[in-house]
Amino acid sequence: MNQFVQRVVNYIANELFIKGLAESKTFQRFAVHTDRHIQKFKKDGVEQLNSKVDELHKEITKAAYSTSTKSSGSGGGGSVLQPPQKPMEGIPGFFNALGRVIRRDLGMDKK
């Protein structure tokens, strides 16, 4: 019985609250103003995201083409395929690979 009364009171309070807000000019202005700002921020966010993706795509394409043109021109003979070289093993191999990664990250790699 207690749950029934609670539901009825809750329903009546919600109906009065919702109808009161729906008829309030102040609340309507607030809702329209808020919606306008949210739509503006969504639009600006999408535009900024698209511009960042475009810039990233340009940089990646530029880097990919500059890498492929450098590596194809350094062979001298053109498109001669060579088997991959086996990397050094053990501690010296680890430090050699670590040094290559650090040089590449710092932009000091000659490749």
PDB file of N, CA and C in Angstrom:
ATOM      1  N   MET A   1       0.825  -1.187   0.000  1.00  0.00           N
ATOM      2  CA  MET A   1       0.000   0.000   0.000  1.00  0.00           C
ATOM      3  C   MET A   1       0.874   1.258   0.000  1.00  0.00           C
ATOM      4  N   ASN A   2       1.962   1.197   0.742  1.00  0.00           N
ATOM      5  CA  ASN A   2       2.860   2.336   0.834  1.00  0.00           C
ATOM      6  C   ASN A   2       3.490   2.654  -0.526  1.00  0.00           C
ATOM      7  N   GLN A   3       3.845   1.615  -1.292  1.00  0.00           N
ATOM      8  CA  GLN A   3       4.438   1.826  -2.619  1.00  0.00           C
ATOM      9  C   GLN A   3       3.424   2.460  -3.564  1.00  0.00           C
ATOM     10  N   PHE A   4       2.166   2.066  -3.452  1.00  0.00           N
ATOM     11  CA  PHE A   4       1.132   2.626  -4.314  1.00  0.00           C
ATOM     12  C   PHE A   4       0.984   4.120  -4.067  1.00  0.00           C
ATOM     13  N   VAL A   5       0.891   4.521  -2.820  1.00  0.00           N
ATOM     14  CA  VAL A   5       0.751   5.931  -2.471  1.00  0.00           C
ATOM     15  C   VAL A   5       1.988   6.698  -2.931  1.00  0.00           C
ATOM     16  N   GLN A   6       3.141   6.098  -2.750  1.00  0.00           N
ATOM     17  CA  GLN A   6       4.385   6.755  -3.165  1.00  0.00           C
ATOM     18  C   GLN A   6       4.397   6.967  -4.674  1.00  0.00           C
ATOM     19  N   ARG A   7       3.945   5.971  -5.432  1.00  0.00           N
ATOM     20  CA  ARG A   7       3.907   6.112  -6.892  1.00  0.00           C
ATOM     21  C   ARG A   7       2.908   7.181  -7.324  1.00  0.00           C
ATOM     22  N   VAL A   8       1.765   7.237  -6.679  1.00  0.00           N
ATOM     23  CA  VAL A   8       0.755   8.235  -7.038  1.00  0.00           C
ATOM     24  C   VAL A   8       1.278   9.641  -6.750  1.00  0.00           C
ATOM     25  N   VAL A   9       1.882   9.828  -5.596  1.00  0.00           N
ATOM     26  CA  VAL A   9       2.426  11.138  -5.242  1.00  0.00           C
ATOM     27  C   VAL A   9       3.557  11.515  -6.201  1.00  0.00           C
ATOM     28  N   ASN A  10       4.392  10.553  -6.526  1.00  0.00           N
ATOM     29  CA  ASN A  10       5.493  10.792  -7.453  1.00  0.00           C
ATOM     30  C   ASN A  10       4.958  11.182  -8.829  1.00  0.00           C
ATOM     31  N   TYR A  11       3.925  10.502  -9.300  1.00  0.00           N
ATOM     32  CA  TYR A  11       3.325  10.800 -10.607  1.00  0.00           C
ATOM     33  C   TYR A  11       2.742  12.210 -10.620  1.00  0.00           C
ATOM     34  N   ILE A  12       2.007  12.557  -9.576  1.00  0.00           N
ATOM     35  CA  ILE A  12       1.382  13.889  -9.509  1.00  0.00           C
ATOM     36  C   ILE A  12       2.448  14.976  -9.451  1.00  0.00           C
ATOM     37  N   ALA A  13       3.494  14.760  -8.647  1.00  0.00           N
ATOM     38  CA  ALA A  13       4.557  15.753  -8.548  1.00  0.00           C
ATOM     39  C   ALA A  13       5.271  15.920  -9.891  1.00  0.00           C
ATOM     40  N   ASN A  14       5.551  14.813 -10.577  1.00  0.00           N
ATOM     41  CA  ASN A  14       6.201  14.900 -11.890  1.00  0.00           C
ATOM     42  C   ASN A  14       5.321  15.624 -12.893  1.00  0.00           C
ATOM     43  N   GLU A  15       4.018  15.339 -12.893  1.00  0.00           N
ATOM     44  CA  GLU A  15       3.123  16.008 -13.838  1.00  0.00           C
ATOM     45  C   GLU A  15       3.085  17.514 -13.577  1.00  0.00           C
ATOM     46  N   LEU A  16       3.003  17.907 -12.318  1.00  0.00           N
ATOM     47  CA  LEU A  16       2.976  19.333 -11.999  1.00  0.00           C
ATOM     48  C   LEU A  16       4.305  19.991 -12.362  1.00  0.00           C
ATOM     49  N   PHE A  17       5.390  19.309 -12.065  1.00  0.00           N
ATOM     50  CA  PHE A  17       6.725  19.853 -12.344  1.00  0.00           C
ATOM     51  C   PHE A  17       6.948  20.002 -13.843  1.00  0.00           C
ATOM     52  N   ILE A  18       6.617  18.971 -14.606  1.00  0.00           N
ATOM     53  CA  ILE A  18       6.839  18.998 -16.060  1.00  0.00           C
ATOM     54  C   ILE A  18       5.941  20.031 -16.717  1.00  0.00           C
ATOM     55  N   LYS A  19       4.668  20.068 -16.335  1.00  0.00           N
ATOM     56  CA  LYS A  19       3.771  21.073 -16.917  1.00  0.00           C
ATOM     57  C   LYS A  19       4.186  22.482 -16.530  1.00  0.00           C
ATOM     58  N   GLY A  20       4.656  22.632 -15.301  1.00  0.00           N
ATOM     59  CA  GLY A  20       5.113  23.950 -14.863  1.00  0.00           C
ATOM     60  C   GLY A  20       6.320  24.411 -15.669  1.00  0.00           C
ATOM     61  N   LEU A  21       7.276  23.523 -15.907  1.00  0.00           N
ATOM     62  CA  LEU A  21       8.442  23.893 -16.709  1.00  0.00           C
ATOM     63  C   LEU A  21       8.078  24.132 -18.170  1.00  0.00           C
ATOM     64  N   ALA A  22       7.167  23.321 -18.693  1.00  0.00           N
ATOM     65  CA  ALA A  22       6.784  23.471 -20.102  1.00  0.00           C
ATOM     66  C   ALA A  22       6.108  24.805 -20.350  1.00  0.00           C
ATOM     67  N   GLU A  23       5.390  25.312 -19.369  1.00  0.00           N
ATOM     68  CA  GLU A  23       4.679  26.578 -19.548  1.00  0.00           C
ATOM     69  C   GLU A  23       5.509  27.787 -19.136  1.00  0.00           C
ATOM     70  N   SER A  24       6.693  27.573 -18.586  1.00  0.00           N
ATOM     71  CA  SER A  24       7.529  28.671 -18.105  1.00  0.00           C
ATOM     72  C   SER A  24       8.339  29.261 -19.269  1.00  0.00           C
ATOM     73  N   LYS A  25       8.152  30.554 -19.512  1.00  0.00           N
ATOM     74  CA  LYS A  25       8.899  31.228 -20.580  1.00  0.00           C
ATOM     75  C   LYS A  25      10.387  31.285 -20.253  1.00  0.00           C
ATOM     76  N   THR A  26      10.729  31.452 -18.990  1.00  0.00           N
ATOM     77  CA  THR A  26      12.134  31.506 -18.589  1.00  0.00           C
ATOM     78  C   THR A  26      12.823  30.173 -18.871  1.00  0.00           C
ATOM     79  N   PHE A  27      12.145  29.083 -18.511  1.00  0.00           N
ATOM     80  CA  PHE A  27      12.737  27.772 -18.762  1.00  0.00           C
ATOM     81  C   PHE A  27      12.861  27.512 -20.267  1.00  0.00           C
ATOM     82  N   GLN A  28      11.876  27.942 -21.041  1.00  0.00           N
ATOM     83  CA  GLN A  28      11.939  27.747 -22.489  1.00  0.00           C
ATOM     84  C   GLN A  28      13.122  28.518 -23.082  1.00  0.00           C
ATOM     85  N   ARG A  29      13.347  29.752 -22.645  1.00  0.00           N
ATOM     86  CA  ARG A  29      14.499  30.512 -23.132  1.00  0.00           C
ATOM     87  C   ARG A  29      15.804  29.830 -22.733  1.00  0.00           C
ATOM     88  N   PHE A  30      15.858  29.346 -21.497  1.00  0.00           N
ATOM     89  CA  PHE A  30      17.048  28.641 -21.024  1.00  0.00           C
ATOM     90  C   PHE A  30      17.313  27.395 -21.871  1.00  0.00           C
ATOM     91  N   ALA A  31      16.259  26.633 -22.172  1.00  0.00           N
ATOM     92  CA  ALA A  31      16.418  25.404 -22.949  1.00  0.00           C
ATOM     93  C   ALA A  31      16.882  25.708 -24.377  1.00  0.00           C
ATOM     94  N   VAL A  32      16.309  26.713 -24.998  1.00  0.00           N
ATOM     95  CA  VAL A  32      16.701  27.082 -26.362  1.00  0.00           C
ATOM     96  C   VAL A  32      18.138  27.595 -26.370  1.00  0.00           C
ATOM     97  N   HIS A  33      18.487  28.416 -25.403  1.00  0.00           N
ATOM     98  CA  HIS A  33      19.844  28.966 -25.301  1.00  0.00           C
ATOM     99  C   HIS A  33      20.866  27.844 -25.106  1.00  0.00           C
ATOM    100  N   THR A  34      20.547  26.922 -24.217  1.00  0.00           N
ATOM    101  CA  THR A  34      21.446  25.796 -23.954  1.00  0.00           C
ATOM    102  C   THR A  34      21.593  24.910 -25.185  1.00  0.00           C
ATOM    103  N   ASP A  35      20.491  24.632 -25.866  1.00  0.00           N
ATOM    104  CA  ASP A  35      20.541  23.803 -27.068  1.00  0.00           C
ATOM    105  C   ASP A  35      21.379  24.476 -28.160  1.00  0.00           C
ATOM    106  N   ARG A  36      21.236  25.770 -28.307  1.00  0.00           N
ATOM    107  CA  ARG A  36      22.010  26.505 -29.312  1.00  0.00           C
ATOM    108  C   ARG A  36      23.511  26.399 -29.015  1.00  0.00           C
ATOM    109  N   HIS A  37      23.888  26.547 -27.755  1.00  0.00           N
ATOM    110  CA  HIS A  37      25.299  26.439 -27.382  1.00  0.00           C
ATOM    111  C   HIS A  37      25.827  25.020 -27.588  1.00  0.00           C
ATOM    112  N   ILE A  38      25.035  24.033 -27.241  1.00  0.00           N
ATOM    113  CA  ILE A  38      25.471  22.640 -27.420  1.00  0.00           C
ATOM    114  C   ILE A  38      25.671  22.332 -28.899  1.00  0.00           C
ATOM    115  N   GLN A  39      24.745  22.759 -29.748  1.00  0.00           N
ATOM    116  CA  GLN A  39      24.884  22.523 -31.188  1.00  0.00           C
ATOM    117  C   GLN A  39      26.112  23.231 -31.745  1.00  0.00           C
ATOM    118  N   LYS A  40      26.367  24.450 -31.260  1.00  0.00           N
ATOM    119  CA  LYS A  40      27.542  25.201 -31.714  1.00  0.00           C
ATOM    120  C   LYS A  40      28.828  24.478 -31.325  1.00  0.00           C
ATOM    121  N   PHE A  41      28.902  23.998 -30.080  1.00  0.00           N
ATOM    122  CA  PHE A  41      30.092  23.301 -29.622  1.00  0.00           C
ATOM    123  C   PHE A  41      30.287  21.984 -30.361  1.00  0.00           C
ATOM    124  N   LYS A  42      29.203  21.282 -30.658  1.00  0.00           N
ATOM    125  CA  LYS A  42      29.304  20.038 -31.430  1.00  0.00           C
ATOM    126  C   LYS A  42      29.853  20.321 -32.823  1.00  0.00           C
ATOM    127  N   LYS A  43      29.315  21.357 -33.458  1.00  0.00           N
ATOM    128  CA  LYS A  43      29.752  21.697 -34.809  1.00  0.00           C
ATOM    129  C   LYS A  43      31.219  22.100 -34.814  1.00  0.00           C
ATOM    130  N   ASP A  44      31.614  22.960 -33.868  1.00  0.00           N
ATOM    131  CA  ASP A  44      33.005  23.401 -33.787  1.00  0.00           C
ATOM    132  C   ASP A  44      33.931  22.227 -33.485  1.00  0.00           C
ATOM    133  N   GLY A  45      33.499  21.332 -32.611  1.00  0.00           N
ATOM    134  CA  GLY A  45      34.312  20.170 -32.263  1.00  0.00           C
ATOM    135  C   GLY A  45      34.522  19.253 -33.451  1.00  0.00           C
ATOM    136  N   VAL A  46      33.473  19.024 -34.229  1.00  0.00           N
ATOM    137  CA  VAL A  46      33.590  18.164 -35.410  1.00  0.00           C
ATOM    138  C   VAL A  46      34.511  18.813 -36.438  1.00  0.00           C
ATOM    139  N   GLU A  47      34.380  20.127 -36.623  1.00  0.00           N
ATOM    140  CA  GLU A  47      35.240  20.817 -37.581  1.00  0.00           C
ATOM    141  C   GLU A  47      36.704  20.763 -37.149  1.00  0.00           C
ATOM    142  N   GLN A  48      36.953  20.963 -35.857  1.00  0.00           N
ATOM    143  CA  GLN A  48      38.326  20.895 -35.357  1.00  0.00           C
ATOM    144  C   GLN A  48      38.882  19.488 -35.503  1.00  0.00           C
ATOM    145  N   LEU A  49      38.064  18.489 -35.205  1.00  0.00           N
ATOM    146  CA  LEU A  49      38.506  17.106 -35.333  1.00  0.00           C
ATOM    147  C   LEU A  49      38.820  16.783 -36.796  1.00  0.00           C
ATOM    148  N   ASN A  50      37.959  17.215 -37.707  1.00  0.00           N
ATOM    149  CA  ASN A  50      38.209  16.961 -39.124  1.00  0.00           C
ATOM    150  C   ASN A  50      39.476  17.655 -39.602  1.00  0.00           C
ATOM    151  N   SER A  51      39.721  18.878 -39.137  1.00  0.00           N
ATOM    152  CA  SER A  51      40.935  19.575 -39.568  1.00  0.00           C
ATOM    153  C   SER A  51      42.182  18.881 -39.021  1.00  0.00           C
ATOM    154  N   LYS A  52      42.119  18.392 -37.777  1.00  0.00           N
ATOM    155  CA  LYS A  52      43.270  17.676 -37.203  1.00  0.00           C
ATOM    156  C   LYS A  52      43.518  16.375 -37.951  1.00  0.00           C
ATOM    157  N   VAL A  53      42.455  15.659 -38.312  1.00  0.00           N
ATOM    158  CA  VAL A  53      42.613  14.413 -39.064  1.00  0.00           C
ATOM    159  C   VAL A  53      43.207  14.697 -40.437  1.00  0.00           C
ATOM    160  N   ASP A  54      42.754  15.778 -41.081  1.00  0.00           N
ATOM    161  CA  ASP A  54      43.311  16.143 -42.387  1.00  0.00           C
ATOM    162  C   ASP A  54      44.797  16.474 -42.283  1.00  0.00           C
ATOM    163  N   GLU A  55      45.176  17.236 -41.244  1.00  0.00           N
ATOM    164  CA  GLU A  55      46.589  17.571 -41.059  1.00  0.00           C
ATOM    165  C   GLU A  55      47.419  16.311 -40.813  1.00  0.00           C
ATOM    166  N   LEU A  56      46.895  15.426 -39.987  1.00  0.00           N
ATOM    167  CA  LEU A  56      47.597  14.179 -39.692  1.00  0.00           C
ATOM    168  C   LEU A  56      47.756  13.340 -40.957  1.00  0.00           C
ATOM    169  N   HIS A  57      46.710  13.271 -41.768  1.00  0.00           N
ATOM    170  CA  HIS A  57      46.769  12.509 -43.013  1.00  0.00           C
ATOM    171  C   HIS A  57      47.815  13.094 -43.950  1.00  0.00           C
ATOM    172  N   LYS A  58      47.866  14.418 -44.040  1.00  0.00           N
ATOM    173  CA  LYS A  58      48.864  15.068 -44.906  1.00  0.00           C
ATOM    174  C   LYS A  58      50.282  14.750 -44.440  1.00  0.00           C
ATOM    175  N   GLU A  59      50.496  14.836 -43.132  1.00  0.00           N
ATOM    176  CA  GLU A  59      51.828  14.568 -42.593  1.00  0.00           C
ATOM    177  C   GLU A  59      52.232  13.106 -42.802  1.00  0.00           C
ATOM    178  N   ILE A  60      51.291  12.204 -42.590  1.00  0.00           N
ATOM    179  CA  ILE A  60      51.599  10.782 -42.769  1.00  0.00           C
ATOM    180  C   ILE A  60      51.892  10.489 -44.229  1.00  0.00           C
ATOM    181  N   THR A  61      51.089  11.047 -45.120  1.00  0.00           N
ATOM    182  CA  THR A  61      51.317  10.832 -46.553  1.00  0.00           C
ATOM    183  C   THR A  61      52.661  11.415 -46.971  1.00  0.00           C
ATOM    184  N   LYS A  62      52.959  12.604 -46.475  1.00  0.00           N
ATOM    185  CA  LYS A  62      54.233  13.247 -46.795  1.00  0.00           C
ATOM    186  C   LYS A  62      55.398  12.403 -46.287  1.00  0.00           C
ATOM    187  N   ALA A  63      55.294  11.917 -45.069  1.00  0.00           N
ATOM    188  CA  ALA A  63      56.362  11.091 -44.501  1.00  0.00           C
ATOM    189  C   ALA A  63      56.495   9.769 -45.250  1.00  0.00           C
ATOM    190  N   ALA A  64      55.375   9.179 -45.627  1.00  0.00           N
ATOM    191  CA  ALA A  64      55.423   7.894 -46.329  1.00  0.00           C
ATOM    192  C   ALA A  64      56.077   8.054 -47.702  1.00  0.00           C
ATOM    193  N   TYR A  65      55.704   9.107 -48.417  1.00  0.00           N
ATOM    194  CA  TYR A  65      56.291   9.301 -49.740  1.00  0.00           C
ATOM    195  C   TYR A  65      57.749   9.715 -49.665  1.00  0.00           C
ATOM    196  N   SER A  66      58.106  10.510 -48.655  1.00  0.00           N
ATOM    197  CA  SER A  66      59.503  10.913 -48.543  1.00  0.00           C
ATOM    198  C   SER A  66      60.364   9.717 -48.154  1.00  0.00           C
ATOM    199  N   THR A  67      59.858   8.817 -47.333  1.00  0.00           N
ATOM    200  CA  THR A  67      60.590   7.616 -46.953  1.00  0.00           C
ATOM    201  C   THR A  67      60.736   6.667 -48.131  1.00  0.00           C
ATOM    202  N   SER A  68      59.647   6.485 -48.905  1.00  0.00           N
ATOM    203  CA  SER A  68      59.714   5.549 -50.021  1.00  0.00           C
ATOM    204  C   SER A  68      60.605   6.080 -51.138  1.00  0.00           C
ATOM    205  N   THR A  69      60.618   7.393 -51.355  1.00  0.00           N
ATOM    206  CA  THR A  69      61.476   7.922 -52.419  1.00  0.00           C
ATOM    207  C   THR A  69      62.932   7.881 -52.010  1.00  0.00           C
ATOM    208  N   LYS A  70      63.221   8.095 -50.724  1.00  0.00           N
ATOM    209  CA  LYS A  70      64.608   8.031 -50.270  1.00  0.00           C
ATOM    210  C   LYS A  70      65.139   6.612 -50.339  1.00  0.00           C
ATOM    211  N   SER A  71      64.325   5.643 -49.908  1.00  0.00           N
ATOM    212  CA  SER A  71      64.820   4.262 -49.877  1.00  0.00           C
ATOM    213  C   SER A  71      64.954   3.686 -51.279  1.00  0.00           C
ATOM    214  N   SER A  72      64.061   4.084 -52.208  1.00  0.00           N
ATOM    215  CA  SER A  72      64.170   3.536 -53.555  1.00  0.00           C
ATOM    216  C   SER A  72      65.328   4.170 -54.318  1.00  0.00           C
ATOM    217  N   GLY A  73      65.690   5.406 -54.003  1.00  0.00           N
ATOM    218  CA  GLY A  73      66.777   6.072 -54.708  1.00  0.00           C
ATOM    219  C   GLY A  73      68.139   5.669 -54.199  1.00  0.00           C
ATOM    220  N   SER A  74      68.250   5.151 -52.980  1.00  0.00           N
ATOM    221  CA  SER A  74      69.555   4.849 -52.416  1.00  0.00           C
ATOM    222  C   SER A  74      70.084   3.494 -52.864  1.00  0.00           C
ATOM    223  N   GLY A  75      69.255   2.660 -53.483  1.00  0.00           N
ATOM    224  CA  GLY A  75      69.683   1.321 -53.891  1.00  0.00           C
ATOM    225  C   GLY A  75      70.638   1.349 -55.061  1.00  0.00           C
ATOM    226  N   GLY A  76      70.581   2.374 -55.860  1.00  0.00           N
ATOM    227  CA  GLY A  76      71.473   2.473 -56.999  1.00  0.00           C
ATOM    228  C   GLY A  76      70.973   1.647 -58.172  1.00  0.00           C
ATOM    229  N   GLY A  77      70.650   0.392 -57.958  1.00  0.00           N
ATOM    230  CA  GLY A  77      70.204  -0.479 -59.033  1.00  0.00           C
ATOM    231  C   GLY A  77      68.715  -0.428 -59.263  1.00  0.00           C
ATOM    232  N   GLY A  78      67.974   0.148 -58.356  1.00  0.00           N
ATOM    233  CA  GLY A  78      66.540   0.250 -58.545  1.00  0.00           C
ATOM    234  C   GLY A  78      65.796  -0.683 -57.616  1.00  0.00           C
ATOM    235  N   SER A  79      65.110  -1.673 -58.187  1.00  0.00           N
ATOM    236  CA  SER A  79      64.225  -2.511 -57.384  1.00  0.00           C
ATOM    237  C   SER A  79      64.827  -3.894 -57.135  1.00  0.00           C
ATOM    238  N   VAL A  80      66.027  -3.956 -56.638  1.00  0.00           N
ATOM    239  CA  VAL A  80      66.671  -5.226 -56.327  1.00  0.00           C
ATOM    240  C   VAL A  80      66.272  -5.623 -54.910  1.00  0.00           C
ATOM    241  N   LEU A  81      65.644  -6.776 -54.783  1.00  0.00           N
ATOM    242  CA  LEU A  81      65.229  -7.240 -53.470  1.00  0.00           C
ATOM    243  C   LEU A  81      66.371  -7.976 -52.797  1.00  0.00           C
ATOM    244  N   GLN A  82      66.549  -7.681 -51.523  1.00  0.00           N
ATOM    245  CA  GLN A  82      67.589  -8.339 -50.759  1.00  0.00           C
ATOM    246  C   GLN A  82      66.933  -9.061 -49.585  1.00  0.00           C
ATOM    247  N   PRO A  83      67.507 -10.192 -49.180  1.00  0.00           N
ATOM    248  CA  PRO A  83      66.929 -10.883 -48.038  1.00  0.00           C
ATOM    249  C   PRO A  83      67.152 -10.063 -46.769  1.00  0.00           C
ATOM    250  N   PRO A  84      66.260 -10.191 -45.809  1.00  0.00           N
ATOM    251  CA  PRO A  84      66.432  -9.429 -44.571  1.00  0.00           C
ATOM    252  C   PRO A  84      67.658  -9.897 -43.805  1.00  0.00           C
ATOM    253  N   GLN A  85      68.284  -8.962 -43.105  1.00  0.00           N
ATOM    254  CA  GLN A  85      69.462  -9.290 -42.320  1.00  0.00           C
ATOM    255  C   GLN A  85      69.030  -9.720 -40.924  1.00  0.00           C
ATOM    256  N   LYS A  86      69.694 -10.717 -40.405  1.00  0.00           N
ATOM    257  CA  LYS A  86      69.392 -11.192 -39.070  1.00  0.00           C
ATOM    258  C   LYS A  86      69.954 -10.196 -38.063  1.00  0.00           C
ATOM    259  N   PRO A  87      69.136  -9.740 -37.102  1.00  0.00           N
ATOM    260  CA  PRO A  87      69.636  -8.772 -36.127  1.00  0.00           C
ATOM    261  C   PRO A  87      70.609  -9.417 -35.149  1.00  0.00           C
ATOM    262  N   MET A  88      71.422  -8.570 -34.521  1.00  0.00           N
ATOM    263  CA  MET A  88      72.360  -9.054 -33.522  1.00  0.00           C
ATOM    264  C   MET A  88      71.581  -9.628 -32.339  1.00  0.00           C
ATOM    265  N   GLU A  89      72.154 -10.599 -31.681  1.00  0.00           N
ATOM    266  CA  GLU A  89      71.476 -11.234 -30.563  1.00  0.00           C
ATOM    267  C   GLU A  89      72.115 -10.822 -29.248  1.00  0.00           C
ATOM    268  N   GLY A  90      71.399 -11.051 -28.170  1.00  0.00           N
ATOM    269  CA  GLY A  90      71.916 -10.830 -26.831  1.00  0.00           C
ATOM    270  C   GLY A  90      71.926  -9.364 -26.441  1.00  0.00           C
ATOM    271  N   ILE A  91      72.766  -9.056 -25.457  1.00  0.00           N
ATOM    272  CA  ILE A  91      72.865  -7.695 -24.920  1.00  0.00           C
ATOM    273  C   ILE A  91      73.336  -6.708 -25.986  1.00  0.00           C
ATOM    274  N   PRO A  92      74.364  -7.036 -26.802  1.00  0.00           N
ATOM    275  CA  PRO A  92      74.766  -6.069 -27.840  1.00  0.00           C
ATOM    276  C   PRO A  92      73.640  -5.780 -28.836  1.00  0.00           C
ATOM    277  N   GLY A  93      72.857  -6.791 -29.178  1.00  0.00           N
ATOM    278  CA  GLY A  93      71.732  -6.584 -30.089  1.00  0.00           C
ATOM    279  C   GLY A  93      70.672  -5.681 -29.498  1.00  0.00           C
ATOM    280  N   PHE A  94      70.433  -5.868 -28.188  1.00  0.00           N
ATOM    281  CA  PHE A  94      69.454  -5.026 -27.503  1.00  0.00           C
ATOM    282  C   PHE A  94      69.884  -3.565 -27.528  1.00  0.00           C
ATOM    283  N   PHE A  95      71.138  -3.293 -27.157  1.00  0.00           N
ATOM    284  CA  PHE A  95      71.604  -1.910 -27.126  1.00  0.00           C
ATOM    285  C   PHE A  95      71.697  -1.314 -28.530  1.00  0.00           C
ATOM    286  N   ASN A  96      72.009  -2.130 -29.513  1.00  0.00           N
ATOM    287  CA  ASN A  96      72.034  -1.657 -30.893  1.00  0.00           C
ATOM    288  C   ASN A  96      70.627  -1.231 -31.325  1.00  0.00           C
ATOM    289  N   ALA A  97      69.621  -2.063 -31.025  1.00  0.00           N
ATOM    290  CA  ALA A  97      68.240  -1.737 -31.387  1.00  0.00           C
ATOM    291  C   ALA A  97      67.752  -0.521 -30.609  1.00  0.00           C
ATOM    292  N   LEU A  98      68.093  -0.449 -29.324  1.00  0.00           N
ATOM    293  CA  LEU A  98      67.696   0.692 -28.514  1.00  0.00           C
ATOM    294  C   LEU A  98      68.285   1.984 -29.071  1.00  0.00           C
ATOM    295  N   GLY A  99      69.559   1.944 -29.459  1.00  0.00           N
ATOM    296  CA  GLY A  99      70.196   3.117 -30.042  1.00  0.00           C
ATOM    297  C   GLY A  99      69.527   3.550 -31.337  1.00  0.00           C
ATOM    298  N   ARG A 100      69.145   2.571 -32.177  1.00  0.00           N
ATOM    299  CA  ARG A 100      68.455   2.902 -33.434  1.00  0.00           C
ATOM    300  C   ARG A 100      67.123   3.574 -33.167  1.00  0.00           C
ATOM    301  N   VAL A 101      66.375   3.062 -32.192  1.00  0.00           N
ATOM    302  CA  VAL A 101      65.075   3.644 -31.875  1.00  0.00           C
ATOM    303  C   VAL A 101      65.232   5.055 -31.333  1.00  0.00           C
ATOM    304  N   ILE A 102      66.197   5.255 -30.459  1.00  0.00           N
ATOM    305  CA  ILE A 102      66.422   6.592 -29.895  1.00  0.00           C
ATOM    306  C   ILE A 102      66.846   7.570 -30.986  1.00  0.00           C
ATOM    307  N   ARG A 103      67.754   7.137 -31.879  1.00  0.00           N
ATOM    308  CA  ARG A 103      68.177   8.018 -32.976  1.00  0.00           C
ATOM    309  C   ARG A 103      67.002   8.345 -33.893  1.00  0.00           C
ATOM    310  N   ARG A 104      66.172   7.346 -34.176  1.00  0.00           N
ATOM    311  CA  ARG A 104      65.014   7.582 -35.033  1.00  0.00           C
ATOM    312  C   ARG A 104      64.037   8.548 -34.380  1.00  0.00           C
ATOM    313  N   ASP A 105      63.794   8.384 -33.059  1.00  0.00           N
ATOM    314  CA  ASP A 105      62.876   9.280 -32.354  1.00  0.00           C
ATOM    315  C   ASP A 105      63.410  10.699 -32.290  1.00  0.00           C
ATOM    316  N   LEU A 106      64.708  10.857 -32.190  1.00  0.00           N
ATOM    317  CA  LEU A 106      65.306  12.192 -32.126  1.00  0.00           C
ATOM    318  C   LEU A 106      65.573  12.777 -33.506  1.00  0.00           C
ATOM    319  N   GLY A 107      65.336  11.996 -34.558  1.00  0.00           N
ATOM    320  CA  GLY A 107      65.536  12.483 -35.908  1.00  0.00           C
ATOM    321  C   GLY A 107      66.974  12.467 -36.361  1.00  0.00           C
ATOM    322  N   MET A 108      67.793  11.670 -35.721  1.00  0.00           N
ATOM    323  CA  MET A 108      69.205  11.614 -36.075  1.00  0.00           C
ATOM    324  C   MET A 108      69.536  10.402 -36.927  1.00  0.00           C
ATOM    325  N   ASP A 109      68.536   9.587 -37.250  1.00  0.00           N
ATOM    326  CA  ASP A 109      68.754   8.375 -38.041  1.00  0.00           C
ATOM    327  C   ASP A 109      69.019   8.746 -39.490  1.00  0.00           C
ATOM    328  N   LYS A 110      69.974   8.111 -40.125  1.00  0.00           N
ATOM    329  CA  LYS A 110      70.345   8.441 -41.503  1.00  0.00           C
ATOM    330  C   LYS A 110      69.453   7.751 -42.524  1.00  0.00           C
ATOM    331  N   LYS A 111      68.607   6.847 -42.081  1.00  0.00           N
ATOM    332  CA  LYS A 111      67.758   6.092 -43.020  1.00  0.00           C
ATOM    333  C   LYS A 111      66.647   6.935 -43.527  1.00  0.00           C
TER     334      LYS A 111
END
